[in-house]
Amino acid sequence: MSNMYYEREPQSESREIACVFSYRGHRLMFQTDAGVFSKGELDQGTRLLLDALPELSGEILDLGCGWGAIGIAVKKAFPETDVTMVDVNLRALGLCEKNARTNGTEVRCLESDGMAALEGRQFDAVITNPPIRAGKQKVYEMLLGAAGALKEGGSLYLVIRKQQGAESCMRFLSESFDTVEKLDRSAGFWVIRAADRK
């Protein structure tokens, strides 16, 4: 039976498990679950991505939010931001809403297949640990959509394993952005920033 974390309705039995981590001086508590990416722990790629982020302000999008690690951590660290979080996975969105309440953060959690539900919205930053297992075409569609939703001066931040196509992803992003740079390169992951849309 197909049961991937990027599907709308996971078929696996729900078995929630807690995850706790700290970010910029804030202790954050989450519930995770089967059928949602990175059950029971903050995955290494997301940790590196969070640690590489600069000071953020304005409207922020967590694209493919899962159980909410990125968006909730960003909102806690930078409370003046306006954070929107989207995912296609309904179980993930339920966790996202619960975890936002647990951590005392006001964020928007919306069902969206990539950028589909966000037409017309513009963001100062889009942050994503993209669903590589969904395939390159799907990931690139998401990144193109994110590029089109950035305000002038906005940036796209993402993390990807080198062995899962980080170099080709940077080349792809260079077709849409004048600035494509590595913010971190460790443990087999590249954290990438793309800015200055062409």
N, C-alpha and C. Protein backbone atom coordinates (compact mmCIF):
# COMPACT_ATOMS: atom_id res chain seq x y z
N MET A 1 0.85 -1.19 0.00
CA MET A 1 0.00 0.00 0.00
C MET A 1 0.89 1.24 0.00
N SER A 2 0.58 2.18 -0.87
CA SER A 2 1.34 3.42 -0.92
C SER A 2 1.03 4.24 0.32
N ASN A 3 2.05 4.77 0.96
CA ASN A 3 1.83 5.58 2.15
C ASN A 3 3.01 6.51 2.34
N MET A 4 3.03 7.58 1.57
CA MET A 4 4.13 8.53 1.63
C MET A 4 3.69 9.79 2.36
N TYR A 5 4.64 10.46 2.98
CA TYR A 5 4.33 11.64 3.78
C TYR A 5 3.82 12.81 2.95
N TYR A 6 4.00 12.75 1.61
CA TYR A 6 3.51 13.85 0.77
C TYR A 6 2.14 13.54 0.17
N GLU A 7 1.47 12.51 0.68
CA GLU A 7 0.10 12.22 0.25
C GLU A 7 -0.89 12.95 1.14
N ARG A 8 -2.10 13.18 0.63
CA ARG A 8 -3.10 13.95 1.36
C ARG A 8 -3.58 13.24 2.62
N GLU A 9 -3.85 11.93 2.51
CA GLU A 9 -4.40 11.19 3.64
C GLU A 9 -3.57 9.93 3.89
N PRO A 10 -2.61 10.00 4.80
CA PRO A 10 -1.79 8.82 5.11
C PRO A 10 -2.66 7.65 5.57
N GLN A 11 -2.28 6.44 5.12
CA GLN A 11 -3.06 5.25 5.48
C GLN A 11 -2.51 4.55 6.72
N SER A 12 -1.30 4.92 7.14
CA SER A 12 -0.71 4.26 8.30
C SER A 12 -1.49 4.62 9.56
N GLU A 13 -1.48 3.69 10.50
CA GLU A 13 -2.16 3.92 11.78
C GLU A 13 -1.48 5.06 12.53
N SER A 14 -2.30 5.95 13.07
CA SER A 14 -1.76 7.08 13.81
C SER A 14 -1.12 6.60 15.12
N ARG A 15 0.12 7.00 15.34
CA ARG A 15 0.83 6.69 16.58
C ARG A 15 1.69 7.89 16.93
N GLU A 16 1.12 8.82 17.67
CA GLU A 16 1.83 10.06 17.96
C GLU A 16 2.99 9.82 18.93
N ILE A 17 4.05 10.59 18.72
CA ILE A 17 5.21 10.54 19.59
C ILE A 17 5.78 11.95 19.72
N ALA A 18 6.23 12.30 20.92
CA ALA A 18 6.69 13.66 21.19
C ALA A 18 8.09 13.90 20.63
N CYS A 19 8.36 15.14 20.35
CA CYS A 19 9.69 15.60 19.93
C CYS A 19 9.94 16.95 20.59
N VAL A 20 11.10 17.10 21.21
CA VAL A 20 11.45 18.35 21.88
C VAL A 20 12.80 18.82 21.34
N PHE A 21 12.90 20.09 21.00
CA PHE A 21 14.20 20.65 20.63
C PHE A 21 14.23 22.13 20.98
N SER A 22 15.41 22.69 21.01
CA SER A 22 15.58 24.12 21.33
C SER A 22 16.04 24.86 20.09
N TYR A 23 15.56 26.13 19.98
CA TYR A 23 15.96 26.97 18.86
C TYR A 23 16.07 28.41 19.33
N ARG A 24 17.25 28.96 19.21
CA ARG A 24 17.53 30.34 19.59
C ARG A 24 16.99 30.67 20.97
N GLY A 25 17.27 29.77 21.91
CA GLY A 25 16.91 30.00 23.30
C GLY A 25 15.50 29.59 23.68
N HIS A 26 14.74 29.05 22.76
CA HIS A 26 13.37 28.63 23.05
C HIS A 26 13.28 27.11 23.05
N ARG A 27 12.71 26.54 24.10
CA ARG A 27 12.46 25.10 24.15
C ARG A 27 11.10 24.83 23.53
N LEU A 28 11.07 24.02 22.50
CA LEU A 28 9.86 23.78 21.72
C LEU A 28 9.42 22.33 21.85
N MET A 29 8.11 22.14 22.01
CA MET A 29 7.55 20.80 22.19
C MET A 29 6.56 20.51 21.07
N PHE A 30 6.70 19.34 20.47
CA PHE A 30 5.88 18.95 19.33
C PHE A 30 5.34 17.54 19.50
N GLN A 31 4.21 17.29 18.83
CA GLN A 31 3.75 15.92 18.61
C GLN A 31 4.01 15.60 17.13
N THR A 32 4.55 14.43 16.89
CA THR A 32 4.77 13.94 15.53
C THR A 32 3.95 12.67 15.36
N ASP A 33 3.95 12.10 14.16
CA ASP A 33 3.10 10.93 13.94
C ASP A 33 3.59 10.13 12.74
N ALA A 34 3.14 8.88 12.68
CA ALA A 34 3.36 8.06 11.50
C ALA A 34 2.68 8.72 10.30
N GLY A 35 3.26 8.52 9.12
CA GLY A 35 2.68 9.09 7.92
C GLY A 35 3.02 10.55 7.71
N VAL A 36 3.87 11.09 8.59
CA VAL A 36 4.32 12.48 8.48
C VAL A 36 5.84 12.46 8.55
N PHE A 37 6.50 13.28 7.74
CA PHE A 37 7.95 13.27 7.65
C PHE A 37 8.62 13.46 9.01
N SER A 38 9.65 12.64 9.27
CA SER A 38 10.51 12.76 10.45
C SER A 38 9.76 12.55 11.76
N LYS A 39 9.14 11.39 11.88
CA LYS A 39 8.43 11.04 13.10
C LYS A 39 9.40 10.93 14.27
N GLY A 40 9.10 11.60 15.35
CA GLY A 40 9.81 11.42 16.61
C GLY A 40 11.08 12.21 16.78
N GLU A 41 11.51 12.93 15.74
CA GLU A 41 12.76 13.68 15.87
C GLU A 41 12.81 14.81 14.86
N LEU A 42 13.62 15.81 15.18
CA LEU A 42 13.92 16.85 14.20
C LEU A 42 15.02 16.32 13.31
N ASP A 43 14.74 16.16 12.02
CA ASP A 43 15.72 15.58 11.12
C ASP A 43 16.90 16.53 10.93
N GLN A 44 18.03 15.96 10.58
CA GLN A 44 19.27 16.71 10.52
C GLN A 44 19.23 17.84 9.49
N GLY A 45 18.60 17.60 8.35
CA GLY A 45 18.51 18.63 7.33
C GLY A 45 17.75 19.85 7.82
N THR A 46 16.62 19.62 8.48
CA THR A 46 15.83 20.74 9.00
C THR A 46 16.59 21.49 10.07
N ARG A 47 17.31 20.77 10.92
CA ARG A 47 18.12 21.42 11.95
C ARG A 47 19.16 22.35 11.32
N LEU A 48 19.84 21.86 10.30
CA LEU A 48 20.85 22.67 9.62
C LEU A 48 20.22 23.89 8.95
N LEU A 49 19.06 23.68 8.34
CA LEU A 49 18.35 24.78 7.70
C LEU A 49 17.97 25.86 8.71
N LEU A 50 17.39 25.45 9.82
CA LEU A 50 17.01 26.41 10.85
C LEU A 50 18.23 27.18 11.37
N ASP A 51 19.30 26.46 11.62
CA ASP A 51 20.50 27.10 12.18
C ASP A 51 21.15 28.08 11.20
N ALA A 52 20.94 27.87 9.90
CA ALA A 52 21.56 28.74 8.89
C ALA A 52 20.73 29.98 8.57
N LEU A 53 19.50 30.04 9.05
CA LEU A 53 18.64 31.17 8.71
C LEU A 53 19.15 32.46 9.34
N PRO A 54 19.05 33.58 8.61
CA PRO A 54 19.38 34.87 9.19
C PRO A 54 18.22 35.38 10.05
N GLU A 55 18.35 36.58 10.58
CA GLU A 55 17.21 37.23 11.23
C GLU A 55 16.12 37.41 10.19
N LEU A 56 14.91 37.07 10.54
CA LEU A 56 13.79 37.13 9.58
C LEU A 56 12.76 38.15 10.02
N SER A 57 12.08 38.74 9.03
CA SER A 57 11.00 39.68 9.31
C SER A 57 9.98 39.59 8.19
N GLY A 58 8.82 40.17 8.42
CA GLY A 58 7.79 40.22 7.39
C GLY A 58 6.98 38.94 7.28
N GLU A 59 6.54 38.64 6.08
CA GLU A 59 5.68 37.48 5.82
C GLU A 59 6.53 36.29 5.41
N ILE A 60 6.37 35.21 6.15
CA ILE A 60 7.20 34.02 5.97
C ILE A 60 6.30 32.84 5.59
N LEU A 61 6.76 32.02 4.66
CA LEU A 61 6.05 30.80 4.27
C LEU A 61 6.91 29.59 4.58
N ASP A 62 6.34 28.65 5.32
CA ASP A 62 6.94 27.32 5.52
C ASP A 62 6.24 26.40 4.53
N LEU A 63 6.94 26.06 3.46
CA LEU A 63 6.37 25.31 2.33
C LEU A 63 6.62 23.82 2.53
N GLY A 64 5.52 23.04 2.72
CA GLY A 64 5.65 21.62 3.05
C GLY A 64 6.00 21.48 4.52
N CYS A 65 5.14 22.01 5.38
CA CYS A 65 5.50 22.24 6.79
C CYS A 65 5.57 20.98 7.64
N GLY A 66 4.96 19.87 7.20
CA GLY A 66 4.97 18.68 8.06
C GLY A 66 4.32 18.99 9.40
N TRP A 67 4.94 18.52 10.48
CA TRP A 67 4.34 18.75 11.81
C TRP A 67 4.68 20.12 12.39
N GLY A 68 5.38 20.95 11.60
CA GLY A 68 5.47 22.36 11.96
C GLY A 68 6.78 22.86 12.50
N ALA A 69 7.84 22.07 12.40
CA ALA A 69 9.11 22.44 13.03
C ALA A 69 9.62 23.81 12.58
N ILE A 70 9.67 24.04 11.27
CA ILE A 70 10.29 25.26 10.76
C ILE A 70 9.45 26.49 11.10
N GLY A 71 8.20 26.48 10.69
CA GLY A 71 7.37 27.66 10.87
C GLY A 71 7.18 28.05 12.32
N ILE A 72 6.96 27.06 13.18
CA ILE A 72 6.75 27.35 14.60
C ILE A 72 8.04 27.84 15.25
N ALA A 73 9.17 27.24 14.90
CA ALA A 73 10.46 27.70 15.43
C ALA A 73 10.74 29.14 15.00
N VAL A 74 10.48 29.44 13.72
CA VAL A 74 10.70 30.79 13.21
C VAL A 74 9.80 31.79 13.94
N LYS A 75 8.52 31.46 14.12
CA LYS A 75 7.60 32.36 14.79
C LYS A 75 8.02 32.60 16.23
N LYS A 76 8.50 31.56 16.89
CA LYS A 76 8.93 31.70 18.29
C LYS A 76 10.18 32.58 18.37
N ALA A 77 11.11 32.39 17.45
CA ALA A 77 12.36 33.14 17.48
C ALA A 77 12.17 34.58 17.01
N PHE A 78 11.25 34.78 16.06
CA PHE A 78 11.02 36.10 15.47
C PHE A 78 9.53 36.41 15.55
N PRO A 79 9.04 36.78 16.75
CA PRO A 79 7.59 36.87 16.97
C PRO A 79 6.88 37.92 16.13
N GLU A 80 7.62 38.88 15.57
CA GLU A 80 6.97 39.91 14.75
C GLU A 80 6.65 39.41 13.33
N THR A 81 7.17 38.23 12.96
CA THR A 81 6.88 37.70 11.64
C THR A 81 5.44 37.23 11.52
N ASP A 82 4.95 37.19 10.31
CA ASP A 82 3.63 36.66 9.99
C ASP A 82 3.87 35.35 9.24
N VAL A 83 3.62 34.22 9.91
CA VAL A 83 4.02 32.91 9.39
C VAL A 83 2.82 32.14 8.85
N THR A 84 2.93 31.71 7.60
CA THR A 84 1.96 30.81 6.98
C THR A 84 2.65 29.47 6.74
N MET A 85 1.94 28.38 7.02
CA MET A 85 2.49 27.03 6.89
C MET A 85 1.54 26.21 6.03
N VAL A 86 2.07 25.54 5.02
CA VAL A 86 1.21 24.76 4.13
C VAL A 86 1.75 23.35 3.94
N ASP A 87 0.84 22.42 3.74
CA ASP A 87 1.19 21.04 3.43
C ASP A 87 -0.01 20.39 2.75
N VAL A 88 0.26 19.35 1.97
CA VAL A 88 -0.81 18.59 1.34
C VAL A 88 -1.35 17.51 2.28
N ASN A 89 -0.57 17.16 3.30
CA ASN A 89 -0.85 16.05 4.20
C ASN A 89 -1.76 16.54 5.35
N LEU A 90 -2.99 16.03 5.39
CA LEU A 90 -3.96 16.49 6.39
C LEU A 90 -3.56 16.12 7.81
N ARG A 91 -2.94 14.97 7.99
CA ARG A 91 -2.47 14.59 9.32
C ARG A 91 -1.39 15.55 9.79
N ALA A 92 -0.50 15.93 8.88
CA ALA A 92 0.54 16.89 9.22
C ALA A 92 -0.07 18.22 9.65
N LEU A 93 -1.08 18.68 8.93
CA LEU A 93 -1.70 19.97 9.25
C LEU A 93 -2.38 19.93 10.61
N GLY A 94 -3.00 18.80 10.96
CA GLY A 94 -3.58 18.67 12.29
C GLY A 94 -2.53 18.79 13.38
N LEU A 95 -1.39 18.16 13.16
CA LEU A 95 -0.28 18.27 14.10
C LEU A 95 0.25 19.69 14.16
N CYS A 96 0.35 20.32 13.00
CA CYS A 96 0.85 21.68 12.91
C CYS A 96 0.00 22.62 13.77
N GLU A 97 -1.31 22.50 13.66
CA GLU A 97 -2.21 23.36 14.44
C GLU A 97 -2.08 23.08 15.93
N LYS A 98 -2.01 21.80 16.29
CA LYS A 98 -1.85 21.42 17.69
C LYS A 98 -0.52 21.93 18.25
N ASN A 99 0.55 21.77 17.47
CA ASN A 99 1.87 22.18 17.94
C ASN A 99 2.00 23.70 18.04
N ALA A 100 1.32 24.41 17.17
CA ALA A 100 1.32 25.87 17.27
C ALA A 100 0.69 26.30 18.59
N ARG A 101 -0.42 25.68 18.97
CA ARG A 101 -1.07 26.01 20.24
C ARG A 101 -0.17 25.65 21.42
N THR A 102 0.43 24.46 21.37
CA THR A 102 1.29 24.01 22.46
C THR A 102 2.43 24.99 22.72
N ASN A 103 2.97 25.55 21.65
CA ASN A 103 4.12 26.45 21.77
C ASN A 103 3.74 27.92 21.84
N GLY A 104 2.44 28.20 21.94
CA GLY A 104 1.98 29.57 22.11
C GLY A 104 2.26 30.47 20.94
N THR A 105 2.15 29.91 19.73
CA THR A 105 2.43 30.70 18.52
C THR A 105 1.18 30.83 17.67
N GLU A 106 1.01 31.99 17.08
CA GLU A 106 -0.10 32.22 16.15
C GLU A 106 0.43 32.15 14.73
N VAL A 107 0.11 31.06 14.06
CA VAL A 107 0.51 30.85 12.67
C VAL A 107 -0.70 30.41 11.88
N ARG A 108 -0.61 30.49 10.56
CA ARG A 108 -1.67 30.02 9.67
C ARG A 108 -1.27 28.66 9.12
N CYS A 109 -2.10 27.64 9.28
CA CYS A 109 -1.83 26.30 8.73
C CYS A 109 -2.88 26.02 7.66
N LEU A 110 -2.44 25.86 6.41
CA LEU A 110 -3.36 25.72 5.29
C LEU A 110 -3.05 24.47 4.47
N GLU A 111 -4.11 23.82 3.99
CA GLU A 111 -3.92 22.73 3.05
C GLU A 111 -3.56 23.30 1.69
N SER A 112 -2.45 22.84 1.13
CA SER A 112 -2.05 23.30 -0.19
C SER A 112 -1.10 22.30 -0.81
N ASP A 113 -1.36 21.95 -2.05
CA ASP A 113 -0.44 21.11 -2.82
C ASP A 113 0.59 22.04 -3.43
N GLY A 114 1.76 22.12 -2.81
CA GLY A 114 2.72 23.12 -3.21
C GLY A 114 2.17 24.51 -2.95
N MET A 115 2.23 25.38 -3.96
CA MET A 115 1.76 26.76 -3.82
C MET A 115 0.31 26.94 -4.26
N ALA A 116 -0.40 25.85 -4.55
CA ALA A 116 -1.70 25.94 -5.22
C ALA A 116 -2.71 26.82 -4.48
N ALA A 117 -2.76 26.77 -3.16
CA ALA A 117 -3.76 27.51 -2.40
C ALA A 117 -3.32 28.93 -2.05
N LEU A 118 -2.17 29.34 -2.57
CA LEU A 118 -1.58 30.62 -2.16
C LEU A 118 -1.53 31.63 -3.30
N GLU A 119 -2.34 31.43 -4.32
CA GLU A 119 -2.30 32.31 -5.49
C GLU A 119 -2.50 33.77 -5.08
N GLY A 120 -1.60 34.62 -5.53
CA GLY A 120 -1.70 36.03 -5.20
C GLY A 120 -0.97 36.45 -3.94
N ARG A 121 -0.60 35.49 -3.10
CA ARG A 121 0.13 35.81 -1.87
C ARG A 121 1.61 36.05 -2.20
N GLN A 122 2.22 36.98 -1.47
CA GLN A 122 3.63 37.30 -1.65
C GLN A 122 4.32 37.23 -0.29
N PHE A 123 5.57 36.77 -0.29
CA PHE A 123 6.28 36.53 0.96
C PHE A 123 7.67 37.14 0.93
N ASP A 124 8.14 37.51 2.11
CA ASP A 124 9.51 38.00 2.25
C ASP A 124 10.52 36.86 2.27
N ALA A 125 10.08 35.70 2.73
CA ALA A 125 10.94 34.52 2.72
C ALA A 125 10.08 33.28 2.59
N VAL A 126 10.56 32.33 1.80
CA VAL A 126 9.96 31.00 1.72
C VAL A 126 11.03 30.02 2.19
N ILE A 127 10.65 29.15 3.11
CA ILE A 127 11.59 28.20 3.71
C ILE A 127 11.04 26.80 3.50
N THR A 128 11.90 25.88 3.04
CA THR A 128 11.40 24.53 2.78
C THR A 128 12.49 23.48 2.88
N ASN A 129 12.12 22.35 3.45
CA ASN A 129 12.87 21.10 3.32
C ASN A 129 12.02 20.27 2.37
N PRO A 130 12.28 20.35 1.07
CA PRO A 130 11.33 19.83 0.08
C PRO A 130 11.22 18.30 0.12
N PRO A 131 10.05 17.79 -0.33
CA PRO A 131 9.81 16.34 -0.30
C PRO A 131 10.52 15.63 -1.46
N ILE A 132 11.80 15.38 -1.29
CA ILE A 132 12.63 14.82 -2.35
C ILE A 132 12.04 13.51 -2.89
N ARG A 133 11.44 12.72 -2.02
CA ARG A 133 10.89 11.42 -2.46
C ARG A 133 9.69 11.58 -3.39
N ALA A 134 9.12 12.79 -3.46
CA ALA A 134 8.03 13.02 -4.40
C ALA A 134 8.54 13.14 -5.83
N GLY A 135 9.85 13.26 -6.00
CA GLY A 135 10.44 13.33 -7.33
C GLY A 135 10.88 14.73 -7.70
N LYS A 136 11.89 14.78 -8.57
CA LYS A 136 12.48 16.07 -8.96
C LYS A 136 11.46 17.01 -9.59
N GLN A 137 10.59 16.48 -10.45
CA GLN A 137 9.62 17.34 -11.12
C GLN A 137 8.73 18.05 -10.11
N LYS A 138 8.23 17.30 -9.13
CA LYS A 138 7.35 17.90 -8.11
C LYS A 138 8.10 18.93 -7.29
N VAL A 139 9.32 18.59 -6.88
CA VAL A 139 10.12 19.53 -6.07
C VAL A 139 10.39 20.81 -6.86
N TYR A 140 10.77 20.66 -8.13
CA TYR A 140 11.07 21.85 -8.93
C TYR A 140 9.82 22.70 -9.17
N GLU A 141 8.67 22.06 -9.30
CA GLU A 141 7.41 22.81 -9.41
C GLU A 141 7.19 23.66 -8.16
N MET A 142 7.45 23.06 -7.00
CA MET A 142 7.30 23.79 -5.74
C MET A 142 8.25 24.98 -5.67
N LEU A 143 9.50 24.77 -6.08
CA LEU A 143 10.50 25.83 -6.01
C LEU A 143 10.18 26.96 -7.00
N LEU A 144 9.70 26.61 -8.18
CA LEU A 144 9.30 27.63 -9.15
C LEU A 144 8.12 28.45 -8.61
N GLY A 145 7.18 27.76 -8.01
CA GLY A 145 6.04 28.45 -7.41
C GLY A 145 6.49 29.39 -6.31
N ALA A 146 7.44 28.93 -5.49
CA ALA A 146 7.97 29.77 -4.41
C ALA A 146 8.66 31.00 -4.99
N ALA A 147 9.43 30.80 -6.05
CA ALA A 147 10.13 31.93 -6.67
C ALA A 147 9.14 33.00 -7.12
N GLY A 148 8.03 32.56 -7.67
CA GLY A 148 7.02 33.50 -8.14
C GLY A 148 6.26 34.20 -7.04
N ALA A 149 6.37 33.70 -5.82
CA ALA A 149 5.63 34.27 -4.69
C ALA A 149 6.49 35.13 -3.78
N LEU A 150 7.73 35.39 -4.19
CA LEU A 150 8.61 36.22 -3.36
C LEU A 150 8.41 37.69 -3.66
N LYS A 151 8.37 38.48 -2.60
CA LYS A 151 8.39 39.93 -2.77
C LYS A 151 9.76 40.37 -3.29
N GLU A 152 9.83 41.58 -3.80
CA GLU A 152 11.11 42.12 -4.21
C GLU A 152 12.05 42.14 -2.99
N GLY A 153 13.24 41.60 -3.16
CA GLY A 153 14.18 41.50 -2.05
C GLY A 153 14.01 40.26 -1.20
N GLY A 154 13.03 39.43 -1.54
CA GLY A 154 12.78 38.21 -0.76
C GLY A 154 13.74 37.10 -1.10
N SER A 155 13.79 36.09 -0.23
CA SER A 155 14.71 34.96 -0.41
C SER A 155 14.00 33.63 -0.21
N LEU A 156 14.47 32.64 -0.95
CA LEU A 156 14.05 31.25 -0.80
C LEU A 156 15.18 30.50 -0.09
N TYR A 157 14.84 29.79 0.97
CA TYR A 157 15.81 29.00 1.72
C TYR A 157 15.38 27.53 1.67
N LEU A 158 16.32 26.64 1.35
CA LEU A 158 16.00 25.23 1.31
C LEU A 158 17.21 24.40 1.70
N VAL A 159 16.94 23.15 2.05
CA VAL A 159 18.01 22.20 2.36
C VAL A 159 17.81 20.96 1.51
N ILE A 160 18.93 20.41 1.02
CA ILE A 160 18.86 19.22 0.18
C ILE A 160 20.17 18.46 0.33
N ARG A 161 20.08 17.14 0.35
CA ARG A 161 21.30 16.33 0.41
C ARG A 161 22.09 16.48 -0.89
N LYS A 162 23.39 16.53 -0.76
CA LYS A 162 24.24 16.60 -1.95
C LYS A 162 23.95 15.41 -2.86
N GLN A 163 23.84 14.21 -2.28
CA GLN A 163 23.65 13.00 -3.10
C GLN A 163 22.24 12.90 -3.67
N GLN A 164 21.33 13.76 -3.23
CA GLN A 164 19.98 13.76 -3.78
C GLN A 164 19.75 14.91 -4.75
N GLY A 165 20.84 15.50 -5.21
CA GLY A 165 20.70 16.46 -6.29
C GLY A 165 20.90 17.92 -5.94
N ALA A 166 21.69 18.21 -4.89
CA ALA A 166 21.89 19.60 -4.50
C ALA A 166 22.52 20.43 -5.61
N GLU A 167 23.52 19.87 -6.28
CA GLU A 167 24.20 20.64 -7.34
C GLU A 167 23.26 20.94 -8.50
N SER A 168 22.51 19.95 -8.95
CA SER A 168 21.58 20.19 -10.07
C SER A 168 20.46 21.13 -9.65
N CYS A 169 20.08 21.09 -8.36
CA CYS A 169 19.05 22.01 -7.87
C CYS A 169 19.57 23.44 -7.90
N MET A 170 20.82 23.65 -7.54
CA MET A 170 21.39 25.00 -7.61
C MET A 170 21.42 25.50 -9.05
N ARG A 171 21.75 24.63 -9.99
CA ARG A 171 21.75 25.03 -11.40
C ARG A 171 20.33 25.40 -11.84
N PHE A 172 19.36 24.61 -11.41
CA PHE A 172 17.97 24.91 -11.74
C PHE A 172 17.55 26.26 -11.18
N LEU A 173 17.88 26.52 -9.93
CA LEU A 173 17.52 27.79 -9.31
C LEU A 173 18.19 28.98 -10.00
N SER A 174 19.38 28.75 -10.53
CA SER A 174 20.11 29.82 -11.22
C SER A 174 19.38 30.31 -12.47
N GLU A 175 18.45 29.51 -12.98
CA GLU A 175 17.65 29.95 -14.13
C GLU A 175 16.62 31.01 -13.73
N SER A 176 16.26 31.04 -12.43
CA SER A 176 15.24 31.98 -11.96
C SER A 176 15.79 33.07 -11.05
N PHE A 177 16.98 32.87 -10.50
CA PHE A 177 17.55 33.81 -9.53
C PHE A 177 18.97 34.22 -9.94
N ASP A 178 19.30 35.47 -9.68
CA ASP A 178 20.67 35.94 -9.91
C ASP A 178 21.62 35.49 -8.80
N THR A 179 21.09 35.36 -7.58
CA THR A 179 21.90 34.93 -6.44
C THR A 179 21.47 33.54 -6.00
N VAL A 180 22.37 32.59 -6.07
CA VAL A 180 22.14 31.24 -5.55
C VAL A 180 23.41 30.85 -4.80
N GLU A 181 23.31 30.70 -3.48
CA GLU A 181 24.50 30.48 -2.67
C GLU A 181 24.27 29.42 -1.62
N LYS A 182 25.36 28.79 -1.20
CA LYS A 182 25.32 27.82 -0.11
C LYS A 182 25.55 28.55 1.21
N LEU A 183 24.61 28.42 2.14
CA LEU A 183 24.79 28.98 3.47
C LEU A 183 25.50 28.02 4.40
N ASP A 184 25.35 26.73 4.13
CA ASP A 184 26.01 25.71 4.94
C ASP A 184 26.18 24.47 4.08
N ARG A 185 27.23 23.75 4.36
CA ARG A 185 27.49 22.49 3.67
C ARG A 185 28.13 21.56 4.69
N SER A 186 27.30 20.74 5.30
CA SER A 186 27.81 19.82 6.33
C SER A 186 26.93 18.59 6.41
N ALA A 187 27.52 17.50 6.88
CA ALA A 187 26.80 16.23 7.09
C ALA A 187 26.10 15.75 5.82
N GLY A 188 26.64 16.11 4.66
CA GLY A 188 26.05 15.66 3.41
C GLY A 188 24.90 16.49 2.91
N PHE A 189 24.57 17.58 3.63
CA PHE A 189 23.48 18.47 3.24
C PHE A 189 24.03 19.80 2.76
N TRP A 190 23.29 20.43 1.86
CA TRP A 190 23.55 21.81 1.47
C TRP A 190 22.33 22.64 1.86
N VAL A 191 22.58 23.73 2.56
CA VAL A 191 21.54 24.73 2.81
C VAL A 191 21.75 25.84 1.79
N ILE A 192 20.72 26.11 1.02
CA ILE A 192 20.83 27.00 -0.14
C ILE A 192 19.91 28.22 0.05
N ARG A 193 20.44 29.37 -0.33
CA ARG A 193 19.63 30.60 -0.41
C ARG A 193 19.59 31.05 -1.85
N ALA A 194 18.38 31.35 -2.33
CA ALA A 194 18.20 31.90 -3.67
C ALA A 194 17.48 33.25 -3.54
N ALA A 195 18.01 34.27 -4.21
CA ALA A 195 17.43 35.61 -4.11
C ALA A 195 17.64 36.36 -5.42
N ASP A 196 17.06 37.53 -5.51
CA ASP A 196 17.19 38.39 -6.68
C ASP A 196 16.62 37.70 -7.93
N ARG A 197 15.30 37.61 -7.96
CA ARG A 197 14.63 36.97 -9.08
C ARG A 197 14.96 37.65 -10.39
N LYS A 198 15.14 36.84 -11.44
CA LYS A 198 15.41 37.38 -12.77
C LYS A 198 14.13 37.91 -13.41
